[in-house]
Amino acid sequence: MIFNSIAFLVFFVVVTTAYYVLPYRWRWPLLLAASCYFYMAFVPVYILILAFTIVVDYAAGHLIERSQGATRKRWLIASIVANVGVLAIFKYYGFLTENIEALVHGTGWTDYKIPELGIILPIGLSFHTFQSLSYTIEVYYGRQKAERHIGIFSLYVMFYPQLVAGPIERPGNLLRQLHLSFDFHAPTVASGLRLMAWGFFKKLMIADRVAVMVDHVFNSPEQHSGPAMILASFFFAVQIYCDFSGYSDIALGAARCLGIDLMRNFRTPYYSANVSEFWKRWHISLSSWFRDYVYIPLGGNRVVKWRWYYNLMITFLLSGLWHGAAWTYIIWGGLHGFYLIFAIVSERWRGKLGGLLGLGRVPGINHAVQVLTTFVLVDFAWIFFRANSVQDAFHIVGNLFTGLGGFFTTDALTFWSPLLGVGKGEMYLALFSIAVMELVQRIDLRQGAVMWVGARPAWQRWALYTGLVGTIIFFGSYYNTTQFIYFQF
């Protein structure tokens, strides 16, 4: 069951209504049953993987809390091994065997073959695995008490709004709230519905529209020249942001309708002035997970320089691998690690260069240059993230600047549209929707979009709501919709 479906909307209305009708003691069973139903709508048997994760980490949490000294660490390691083992089997087995076979075949043993498991990747496996792991790690460090109620703990691992694509919650936030009782509060529910509508707008009006253009180029890069590749790379940056942040908005909104506040996962990341800032504003729940549980335990920046660089690179390579079992994702992570290391190494001479150019005297221009440079670097790395293979990625990179004639013509849309396999109408719609999103984001940055809307007269607010919902319904039903990108992770 995907968010952008009629089935989900019916499911959401029924569950939310029943949640407030039922007494408090029946709410967690309702949400747990609803979450099981939601997940089993994909591949029913994979609910057993979630059950395994829940049992292992529930037991590990109690064993860690009751143990002393080295025994505590052994139980934590057992939890980590069990969870990573599930990932290794269901997500990375094919990738590992493929690369082992390639190495062996390189020695001349061409008949060597490792048996295939033929497993379909469970939806959201990396998300709920990391969320469950955060619990045992927090218990180990003494920041979280072991949860006594196995039903509430099960709900923590598989709370349906964020089960398949995050945000990756921590027990200190979500687990605590699952013990609370919430009365129906109309403004809170209305706020959740607005956030869901905004998420649907980003998904249906932007992500799904530009996906057609992106797929047209990235699925056959050898048939396209530089202008198409540049445009497709730009539109993929838009697509993945609107797709993933749109999902997060729907998840946060659905949870808010139940009185639960999930962590915010995005803060206008493409306005970042450097790559380090980008990772404080993009997929915040994952970047903070790797920071707290990988980067800092490795020593963070409290070590000698070479070890600092090593810690950064390992963290981002693992982040790339978390996203997918392919070299394209690993290279993407490695690029971000390289960006951060280069920023540290070059900090002094970049400061001198900025002084020579006089950028410090015009802070507005200086900031704009930094934001643009950061976006270009991030967008370049997205090429590897989206490409179907490493070969395709390098083909695109090697041909970005070929055939640029006509790219900057006065009638650019007439030139651009055929390159991306769409008509001018589709291009206008996509660009208009992006402009609307940018306007809302700028309002949100300056005074808060919710406060701005709340300050409008009632008729203006309802006109906005009606227009937004009507647009979503019309274009969502008229055009084909796609699954959320991050469901595959």
Foldseek 3Di string as FASTA:
>chain_A
DFPLDPVVVVLLVVLLVVLQVDDLVCNLVSQLVSLLVLQVVVPNVCVVVLVVLLVLLLVLLVQLLPDDDPSNVVSLVVSVCSLVVVCCVQFAVVLVQVVVQVVVVVVVPNVDHDDDPPHDRRFQSLQLSLLSSLASVCSNVVNDHRDPDSSLSSCSSRRPLANRPDPSAHCVARSVCSPDDDHQDVVLLVVLVVLLLQLLLLFQQALQLLVLLLCLCQVCVVVAFQLSLVVSLVSVVSNQCSLNLSSVSNSQSSVSSSVGGGDRQAQPLLLDLALVVSCCGHRNSVSVSLVVPQLVVQPAPVDDLVSNLVSLQVSLLVVLVSQHSAVLSSVLSNLSSVRVNCCVVCVVVVVVVCVVVVCVVVVVVSSVVSSVVRNVSNSLSVLSVPHPHPVSSVVNVVRNPPPCPPCPDPPNLVVNQVSSPHDSVSVVSNVVSVVVVVVLSVCCVPPRSVVVLVPDPPVVNVVVVVVSVVVSVVSSVVDDGDHRPSRSD
